[in-house]
């Protein structure tokens, strides 16, 4: 999973940079939260991920998530 630079307004993604400049978000058709690693025993760390499906103004559709620990953004899937 690749790290991203994401511009947000009230924790909602509004634009992101995939390495070739910023692209605005046209729509956010899905938002969900998952908890990863909750089954692990101490001292292993579990994390909460804030996930979004984004439609960009250039026509691409992506799934991204924000790591609940360090608040970094990551690309998880490119559709199409």
PDB file of N, CA and C in Angstrom:
ATOM      1  N   UNK A   1       0.832  -1.174   0.000  1.00  0.00           N
ATOM      2  CA  UNK A   1       0.000   0.000   0.000  1.00  0.00           C
ATOM      3  C   UNK A   1       0.875   1.234   0.000  1.00  0.00           C
ATOM      4  N   UNK A   2       0.544   2.117  -0.868  1.00  0.00           N
ATOM      5  CA  UNK A   2       1.339   3.306  -1.111  1.00  0.00           C
ATOM      6  C   UNK A   2       0.835   4.492  -0.293  1.00  0.00           C
ATOM      7  N   UNK A   3       1.754   5.272   0.282  1.00  0.00           N
ATOM      8  CA  UNK A   3       1.392   6.475   1.019  1.00  0.00           C
ATOM      9  C   UNK A   3       0.939   7.570   0.068  1.00  0.00           C
ATOM     10  N   UNK A   4       0.012   8.392   0.526  1.00  0.00           N
ATOM     11  CA  UNK A   4      -0.547   9.475  -0.277  1.00  0.00           C
ATOM     12  C   UNK A   4      -0.534  10.773   0.503  1.00  0.00           C
ATOM     13  N   UNK A   5      -0.569  11.872  -0.228  1.00  0.00           N
ATOM     14  CA  UNK A   5      -0.840  13.170   0.371  1.00  0.00           C
ATOM     15  C   UNK A   5      -2.298  13.484   0.063  1.00  0.00           C
ATOM     16  N   UNK A   6      -3.092  13.666   1.110  1.00  0.00           N
ATOM     17  CA  UNK A   6      -4.526  13.898   0.947  1.00  0.00           C
ATOM     18  C   UNK A   6      -4.900  15.216   1.613  1.00  0.00           C
ATOM     19  N   UNK A   7      -5.598  16.081   0.893  1.00  0.00           N
ATOM     20  CA  UNK A   7      -6.153  17.307   1.462  1.00  0.00           C
ATOM     21  C   UNK A   7      -7.539  16.979   1.990  1.00  0.00           C
ATOM     22  N   UNK A   8      -7.827  17.427   3.203  1.00  0.00           N
ATOM     23  CA  UNK A   8      -9.118  17.128   3.818  1.00  0.00           C
ATOM     24  C   UNK A   8      -9.806  18.404   4.303  1.00  0.00           C
ATOM     25  N   UNK A   9     -11.094  18.293   4.468  1.00  0.00           N
ATOM     26  CA  UNK A   9     -11.921  19.300   5.141  1.00  0.00           C
ATOM     27  C   UNK A   9     -12.750  18.540   6.156  1.00  0.00           C
ATOM     28  N   UNK A  10     -12.538  18.810   7.429  1.00  0.00           N
ATOM     29  CA  UNK A  10     -13.227  18.098   8.518  1.00  0.00           C
ATOM     30  C   UNK A  10     -13.028  16.584   8.395  1.00  0.00           C
ATOM     31  N   UNK A  11     -11.801  16.151   8.099  1.00  0.00           N
ATOM     32  CA  UNK A  11     -11.409  14.736   7.969  1.00  0.00           C
ATOM     33  C   UNK A  11     -11.990  14.033   6.746  1.00  0.00           C
ATOM     34  N   UNK A  12     -12.589  14.781   5.828  1.00  0.00           N
ATOM     35  CA  UNK A  12     -13.157  14.213   4.605  1.00  0.00           C
ATOM     36  C   UNK A  12     -12.230  14.544   3.444  1.00  0.00           C
ATOM     37  N   UNK A  13     -11.792  13.538   2.662  1.00  0.00           N
ATOM     38  CA  UNK A  13     -10.880  13.811   1.549  1.00  0.00           C
ATOM     39  C   UNK A  13     -11.525  14.679   0.470  1.00  0.00           C
ATOM     40  N   UNK A  14     -10.807  15.742   0.060  1.00  0.00           N
ATOM     41  CA  UNK A  14     -11.301  16.631  -0.988  1.00  0.00           C
ATOM     42  C   UNK A  14     -10.368  16.673  -2.193  1.00  0.00           C
ATOM     43  N   UNK A  15      -9.105  16.278  -2.010  1.00  0.00           N
ATOM     44  CA  UNK A  15      -8.136  16.214  -3.105  1.00  0.00           C
ATOM     45  C   UNK A  15      -6.995  15.315  -2.668  1.00  0.00           C
ATOM     46  N   UNK A  16      -6.309  14.708  -3.644  1.00  0.00           N
ATOM     47  CA  UNK A  16      -5.150  13.893  -3.310  1.00  0.00           C
ATOM     48  C   UNK A  16      -4.101  13.982  -4.388  1.00  0.00           C
ATOM     49  N   UNK A  17      -2.863  13.733  -3.975  1.00  0.00           N
ATOM     50  CA  UNK A  17      -1.724  13.779  -4.878  1.00  0.00           C
ATOM     51  C   UNK A  17      -1.179  12.375  -5.047  1.00  0.00           C
ATOM     52  N   UNK A  18      -1.242  11.854  -6.269  1.00  0.00           N
ATOM     53  CA  UNK A  18      -0.739  10.518  -6.576  1.00  0.00           C
ATOM     54  C   UNK A  18       0.665  10.574  -7.174  1.00  0.00           C
ATOM     55  N   UNK A  19       1.311  11.730  -7.063  1.00  0.00           N
ATOM     56  CA  UNK A  19       2.667  11.873  -7.560  1.00  0.00           C
ATOM     57  C   UNK A  19       2.797  12.769  -8.775  1.00  0.00           C
ATOM     58  N   UNK A  20       1.687  13.096  -9.425  1.00  0.00           N
ATOM     59  CA  UNK A  20       1.726  13.936 -10.624  1.00  0.00           C
ATOM     60  C   UNK A  20       0.912  15.211 -10.430  1.00  0.00           C
ATOM     61  N   UNK A  21       0.750  15.638  -9.183  1.00  0.00           N
ATOM     62  CA  UNK A  21      -0.042  16.831  -8.897  1.00  0.00           C
ATOM     63  C   UNK A  21      -1.366  16.479  -8.254  1.00  0.00           C
ATOM     64  N   UNK A  22      -1.977  17.462  -7.662  1.00  0.00           N
ATOM     65  CA  UNK A  22      -3.219  17.275  -6.926  1.00  0.00           C
ATOM     66  C   UNK A  22      -4.416  17.098  -7.863  1.00  0.00           C
ATOM     67  N   UNK A  23      -5.298  16.162  -7.498  1.00  0.00           N
ATOM     68  CA  UNK A  23      -6.536  15.915  -8.246  1.00  0.00           C
ATOM     69  C   UNK A  23      -7.693  16.030  -7.262  1.00  0.00           C
ATOM     70  N   UNK A  24      -8.713  16.791  -7.630  1.00  0.00           N
ATOM     71  CA  UNK A  24      -9.874  16.989  -6.758  1.00  0.00           C
ATOM     72  C   UNK A  24     -10.766  15.755  -6.752  1.00  0.00           C
ATOM     73  N   UNK A  25     -11.435  15.550  -5.639  1.00  0.00           N
ATOM     74  CA  UNK A  25     -12.411  14.469  -5.483  1.00  0.00           C
ATOM     75  C   UNK A  25     -13.753  14.968  -6.009  1.00  0.00           C
ATOM     76  N   UNK A  26     -14.341  14.226  -6.948  1.00  0.00           N
ATOM     77  CA  UNK A  26     -15.644  14.591  -7.517  1.00  0.00           C
ATOM     78  C   UNK A  26     -16.787  14.033  -6.675  1.00  0.00           C
ATOM     79  N   UNK A  27     -16.593  12.825  -6.106  1.00  0.00           N
ATOM     80  CA  UNK A  27     -17.644  12.189  -5.293  1.00  0.00           C
ATOM     81  C   UNK A  27     -17.005  11.185  -4.344  1.00  0.00           C
ATOM     82  N   UNK A  28     -17.716  10.925  -3.258  1.00  0.00           N
ATOM     83  CA  UNK A  28     -17.302   9.941  -2.262  1.00  0.00           C
ATOM     84  C   UNK A  28     -18.456   8.958  -2.060  1.00  0.00           C
ATOM     85  N   UNK A  29     -18.578   7.948  -2.936  1.00  0.00           N
ATOM     86  CA  UNK A  29     -19.741   7.068  -2.878  1.00  0.00           C
ATOM     87  C   UNK A  29     -19.768   6.107  -1.695  1.00  0.00           C
ATOM     88  N   UNK A  30     -18.641   5.913  -1.017  1.00  0.00           N
ATOM     89  CA  UNK A  30     -18.653   4.969   0.113  1.00  0.00           C
ATOM     90  C   UNK A  30     -17.638   5.381   1.164  1.00  0.00           C
ATOM     91  N   UNK A  31     -18.007   5.154   2.426  1.00  0.00           N
ATOM     92  CA  UNK A  31     -17.134   5.395   3.567  1.00  0.00           C
ATOM     93  C   UNK A  31     -17.403   4.291   4.581  1.00  0.00           C
ATOM     94  N   UNK A  32     -16.338   3.676   5.102  1.00  0.00           N
ATOM     95  CA  UNK A  32     -16.494   2.627   6.096  1.00  0.00           C
ATOM     96  C   UNK A  32     -15.283   2.627   7.015  1.00  0.00           C
ATOM     97  N   UNK A  33     -15.418   2.003   8.163  1.00  0.00           N
ATOM     98  CA  UNK A  33     -14.334   1.899   9.145  1.00  0.00           C
ATOM     99  C   UNK A  33     -14.084   0.426   9.423  1.00  0.00           C
ATOM    100  N   UNK A  34     -12.802   0.046   9.450  1.00  0.00           N
ATOM    101  CA  UNK A  34     -12.456  -1.330   9.819  1.00  0.00           C
ATOM    102  C   UNK A  34     -11.418  -1.294  10.932  1.00  0.00           C
ATOM    103  N   UNK A  35     -11.401  -2.351  11.713  1.00  0.00           N
ATOM    104  CA  UNK A  35     -10.384  -2.528  12.750  1.00  0.00           C
ATOM    105  C   UNK A  35      -9.553  -3.733  12.368  1.00  0.00           C
ATOM    106  N   UNK A  36      -8.259  -3.510  12.185  1.00  0.00           N
ATOM    107  CA  UNK A  36      -7.336  -4.532  11.717  1.00  0.00           C
ATOM    108  C   UNK A  36      -6.474  -4.996  12.884  1.00  0.00           C
ATOM    109  N   UNK A  37      -6.346  -6.310  13.040  1.00  0.00           N
ATOM    110  CA  UNK A  37      -5.457  -6.864  14.046  1.00  0.00           C
ATOM    111  C   UNK A  37      -6.044  -6.978  15.436  1.00  0.00           C
ATOM    112  N   UNK A  38      -7.343  -6.781  15.595  1.00  0.00           N
ATOM    113  CA  UNK A  38      -7.953  -6.842  16.924  1.00  0.00           C
ATOM    114  C   UNK A  38      -7.806  -8.215  17.556  1.00  0.00           C
ATOM    115  N   UNK A  39      -7.570  -9.242  16.757  1.00  0.00           N
ATOM    116  CA  UNK A  39      -7.469 -10.613  17.249  1.00  0.00           C
ATOM    117  C   UNK A  39      -6.081 -10.924  17.819  1.00  0.00           C
ATOM    118  N   UNK A  40      -5.111 -10.050  17.571  1.00  0.00           N
ATOM    119  CA  UNK A  40      -3.749 -10.294  18.047  1.00  0.00           C
ATOM    120  C   UNK A  40      -3.670 -10.111  19.552  1.00  0.00           C
ATOM    121  N   UNK A  41      -2.709 -10.807  20.162  1.00  0.00           N
ATOM    122  CA  UNK A  41      -2.526 -10.675  21.608  1.00  0.00           C
ATOM    123  C   UNK A  41      -1.471  -9.625  21.915  1.00  0.00           C
ATOM    124  N   UNK A  42      -1.531  -9.085  23.113  1.00  0.00           N
ATOM    125  CA  UNK A  42      -0.590  -8.065  23.561  1.00  0.00           C
ATOM    126  C   UNK A  42       0.832  -8.583  23.413  1.00  0.00           C
ATOM    127  N   UNK A  43       1.805  -7.843  22.994  1.00  0.00           N
ATOM    128  CA  UNK A  43       1.818  -6.390  22.753  1.00  0.00           C
ATOM    129  C   UNK A  43       1.586  -6.006  21.294  1.00  0.00           C
ATOM    130  N   UNK A  44       1.119  -6.942  20.468  1.00  0.00           N
ATOM    131  CA  UNK A  44       0.845  -6.606  19.060  1.00  0.00           C
ATOM    132  C   UNK A  44      -0.164  -5.470  18.983  1.00  0.00           C
ATOM    133  N   UNK A  45      -0.055  -4.678  17.963  1.00  0.00           N
ATOM    134  CA  UNK A  45      -0.891  -3.483  17.837  1.00  0.00           C
ATOM    135  C   UNK A  45      -2.034  -3.741  16.849  1.00  0.00           C
ATOM    136  N   UNK A  46      -3.222  -3.311  17.207  1.00  0.00           N
ATOM    137  CA  UNK A  46      -4.322  -3.304  16.261  1.00  0.00           C
ATOM    138  C   UNK A  46      -4.526  -1.864  15.826  1.00  0.00           C
ATOM    139  N   UNK A  47      -5.160  -1.676  14.706  1.00  0.00           N
ATOM    140  CA  UNK A  47      -5.378  -0.325  14.223  1.00  0.00           C
ATOM    141  C   UNK A  47      -6.762  -0.169  13.618  1.00  0.00           C
ATOM    142  N   UNK A  48      -7.216   1.045  13.671  1.00  0.00           N
ATOM    143  CA  UNK A  48      -8.493   1.421  13.079  1.00  0.00           C
ATOM    144  C   UNK A  48      -8.194   2.136  11.769  1.00  0.00           C
ATOM    145  N   UNK A  49      -8.917   1.784  10.706  1.00  0.00           N
ATOM    146  CA  UNK A  49      -8.733   2.415   9.410  1.00  0.00           C
ATOM    147  C   UNK A  49     -10.033   3.069   8.958  1.00  0.00           C
ATOM    148  N   UNK A  50      -9.914   4.316   8.582  1.00  0.00           N
ATOM    149  CA  UNK A  50     -11.026   5.096   8.048  1.00  0.00           C
ATOM    150  C   UNK A  50     -10.925   5.009   6.528  1.00  0.00           C
ATOM    151  N   UNK A  51     -11.825   4.269   5.876  1.00  0.00           N
ATOM    152  CA  UNK A  51     -11.713   3.938   4.449  1.00  0.00           C
ATOM    153  C   UNK A  51     -12.718   4.731   3.612  1.00  0.00           C
ATOM    154  N   UNK A  52     -12.273   5.108   2.404  1.00  0.00           N
ATOM    155  CA  UNK A  52     -13.110   5.869   1.481  1.00  0.00           C
ATOM    156  C   UNK A  52     -12.976   5.320   0.067  1.00  0.00           C
ATOM    157  N   UNK A  53     -14.075   5.258  -0.656  1.00  0.00           N
ATOM    158  CA  UNK A  53     -14.045   5.050  -2.108  1.00  0.00           C
ATOM    159  C   UNK A  53     -14.224   6.444  -2.714  1.00  0.00           C
ATOM    160  N   UNK A  54     -13.292   6.821  -3.580  1.00  0.00           N
ATOM    161  CA  UNK A  54     -13.285   8.165  -4.142  1.00  0.00           C
ATOM    162  C   UNK A  54     -13.368   8.118  -5.658  1.00  0.00           C
ATOM    163  N   UNK A  55     -14.217   8.973  -6.217  1.00  0.00           N
ATOM    164  CA  UNK A  55     -14.250   9.214  -7.655  1.00  0.00           C
ATOM    165  C   UNK A  55     -13.556  10.551  -7.884  1.00  0.00           C
ATOM    166  N   UNK A  56     -12.497  10.537  -8.681  1.00  0.00           N
ATOM    167  CA  UNK A  56     -11.727  11.748  -8.918  1.00  0.00           C
ATOM    168  C   UNK A  56     -12.244  12.486 -10.143  1.00  0.00           C
ATOM    169  N   UNK A  57     -11.938  13.777 -10.215  1.00  0.00           N
ATOM    170  CA  UNK A  57     -12.388  14.578 -11.353  1.00  0.00           C
ATOM    171  C   UNK A  57     -11.809  14.095 -12.675  1.00  0.00           C
ATOM    172  N   UNK A  58     -10.680  13.374 -12.639  1.00  0.00           N
ATOM    173  CA  UNK A  58     -10.096  12.866 -13.889  1.00  0.00           C
ATOM    174  C   UNK A  58     -10.673  11.508 -14.295  1.00  0.00           C
ATOM    175  N   UNK A  59     -11.693  11.015 -13.563  1.00  0.00           N
ATOM    176  CA  UNK A  59     -12.389   9.790 -13.928  1.00  0.00           C
ATOM    177  C   UNK A  59     -11.943   8.543 -13.195  1.00  0.00           C
ATOM    178  N   UNK A  60     -10.849   8.608 -12.469  1.00  0.00           N
ATOM    179  CA  UNK A  60     -10.380   7.425 -11.738  1.00  0.00           C
ATOM    180  C   UNK A  60     -11.222   7.171 -10.492  1.00  0.00           C
ATOM    181  N   UNK A  61     -11.292   5.892 -10.120  1.00  0.00           N
ATOM    182  CA  UNK A  61     -11.978   5.465  -8.905  1.00  0.00           C
ATOM    183  C   UNK A  61     -10.953   4.743  -8.033  1.00  0.00           C
ATOM    184  N   UNK A  62     -10.826   5.174  -6.775  1.00  0.00           N
ATOM    185  CA  UNK A  62      -9.818   4.634  -5.868  1.00  0.00           C
ATOM    186  C   UNK A  62     -10.417   4.314  -4.516  1.00  0.00           C
ATOM    187  N   UNK A  63      -9.824   3.338  -3.829  1.00  0.00           N
ATOM    188  CA  UNK A  63     -10.088   3.125  -2.409  1.00  0.00           C
ATOM    189  C   UNK A  63      -8.845   3.585  -1.653  1.00  0.00           C
ATOM    190  N   UNK A  64      -9.044   4.439  -0.653  1.00  0.00           N
ATOM    191  CA  UNK A  64      -7.955   4.916   0.184  1.00  0.00           C
ATOM    192  C   UNK A  64      -8.353   4.732   1.645  1.00  0.00           C
ATOM    193  N   UNK A  65      -7.363   4.741   2.524  1.00  0.00           N
ATOM    194  CA  UNK A  65      -7.664   4.699   3.948  1.00  0.00           C
ATOM    195  C   UNK A  65      -6.682   5.542   4.738  1.00  0.00           C
ATOM    196  N   UNK A  66      -7.145   6.022   5.897  1.00  0.00           N
ATOM    197  CA  UNK A  66      -6.304   6.755   6.839  1.00  0.00           C
ATOM    198  C   UNK A  66      -6.021   5.852   8.019  1.00  0.00           C
ATOM    199  N   UNK A  67      -4.741   5.662   8.301  1.00  0.00           N
ATOM    200  CA  UNK A  67      -4.302   4.858   9.439  1.00  0.00           C
ATOM    201  C   UNK A  67      -4.679   5.593  10.723  1.00  0.00           C
ATOM    202  N   UNK A  68      -5.355   4.898  11.619  1.00  0.00           N
ATOM    203  CA  UNK A  68      -5.778   5.512  12.868  1.00  0.00           C
ATOM    204  C   UNK A  68      -4.640   5.821  13.818  1.00  0.00           C
ATOM    205  N   UNK A  69      -3.496   5.164  13.650  1.00  0.00           N
ATOM    206  CA  UNK A  69      -2.363   5.395  14.539  1.00  0.00           C
ATOM    207  C   UNK A  69      -1.612   6.664  14.204  1.00  0.00           C
ATOM    208  N   UNK A  70      -1.000   6.702  13.028  1.00  0.00           N
ATOM    209  CA  UNK A  70      -0.180   7.861  12.661  1.00  0.00           C
ATOM    210  C   UNK A  70      -0.902   8.843  11.738  1.00  0.00           C
ATOM    211  N   UNK A  71      -2.163   8.571  11.414  1.00  0.00           N
ATOM    212  CA  UNK A  71      -3.005   9.437  10.582  1.00  0.00           C
ATOM    213  C   UNK A  71      -2.504   9.577   9.143  1.00  0.00           C
ATOM    214  N   UNK A  72      -1.634   8.669   8.702  1.00  0.00           N
ATOM    215  CA  UNK A  72      -1.152   8.697   7.319  1.00  0.00           C
ATOM    216  C   UNK A  72      -2.206   8.105   6.394  1.00  0.00           C
ATOM    217  N   UNK A  73      -2.214   8.557   5.145  1.00  0.00           N
ATOM    218  CA  UNK A  73      -3.165   8.093   4.126  1.00  0.00           C
ATOM    219  C   UNK A  73      -2.463   7.109   3.198  1.00  0.00           C
ATOM    220  N   UNK A  74      -3.205   6.079   2.739  1.00  0.00           N
ATOM    221  CA  UNK A  74      -2.654   5.028   1.878  1.00  0.00           C
ATOM    222  C   UNK A  74      -3.639   4.669   0.780  1.00  0.00           C
ATOM    223  N   UNK A  75      -3.108   4.342  -0.387  1.00  0.00           N
ATOM    224  CA  UNK A  75      -3.893   3.831  -1.501  1.00  0.00           C
ATOM    225  C   UNK A  75      -4.035   2.332  -1.339  1.00  0.00           C
ATOM    226  N   UNK A  76      -5.262   1.810  -1.323  1.00  0.00           N
ATOM    227  CA  UNK A  76      -5.442   0.373  -1.177  1.00  0.00           C
ATOM    228  C   UNK A  76      -5.910  -0.308  -2.466  1.00  0.00           C
ATOM    229  N   UNK A  77      -6.642   0.415  -3.351  1.00  0.00           N
ATOM    230  CA  UNK A  77      -7.107  -0.220  -4.589  1.00  0.00           C
ATOM    231  C   UNK A  77      -7.421   0.852  -5.635  1.00  0.00           C
ATOM    232  N   UNK A  78      -7.083   0.514  -6.885  1.00  0.00           N
ATOM    233  CA  UNK A  78      -7.469   1.327  -8.032  1.00  0.00           C
ATOM    234  C   UNK A  78      -8.468   0.499  -8.833  1.00  0.00           C
ATOM    235  N   UNK A  79      -9.641   1.067  -9.085  1.00  0.00           N
ATOM    236  CA  UNK A  79     -10.687   0.353  -9.826  1.00  0.00           C
ATOM    237  C   UNK A  79     -10.566   0.675 -11.302  1.00  0.00           C
ATOM    238  N   UNK A  80     -10.778  -0.331 -12.146  1.00  0.00           N
ATOM    239  CA  UNK A  80     -10.841  -0.124 -13.586  1.00  0.00           C
ATOM    240  C   UNK A  80      -9.561  -0.065 -14.310  1.00  0.00           C
TER     241      UNK A  80
END
